[in-house]
Amino acid sequence: MGVVSGIPLSYEFGTNWSRFSLVTGNVIGPLIGYEVLTAFFLEASFLGVMLFGWQRVKPWLHLTAAVLVALGTAISGFVISFIGLAISTLPYLVPPSITLWAAAAARKSQSFILIGIAILLPVIFGYTVFVYHTFRGKVRPGEGYH
């Protein structure tokens, strides 16, 4: 995720928001650098171990690689989201008279999303439990999709 979103984002800063990059480059530049280091080195390296080391590495190393890929993706997604937040809020700072509730979205939009989450989250959780119980014990150790 980080490699796919981070590389085009760094080019977009220079081409689409050159004036913005000139003003905020001292803040945004290191954030993009950290994102690229996290995304490329951690995600790409451990993704290679995870995908191509299925029969070549020990199971604990394969699990560690999978956890580190997930951790790198989460960190990278957080940094990209933080940079997007900085782009959207820095030019237009919110006045102190506006509450966080009013600044985020309209009440009807937030209520709609809250109801949607309240319905979909238990459905997703229930489906995950159903799939776990359905497929538990169906695959023996040593068998896989490779």
Foldseek 3Di string as FASTA:
>chain_A
DLVVPLPVVVVCCCPVVVVVCVVCVVPVVVLSVVSCCLCCVLQVVLVCCLPVVPVPDDPVSNVVSVVSNVVSVVVNVVSVVVVVVCVVDVVPPDDPVDDPVRVPDDPVVVVVVVVVCVPVVVVVVVVVVVVCVVCPPVDDPPDDPD
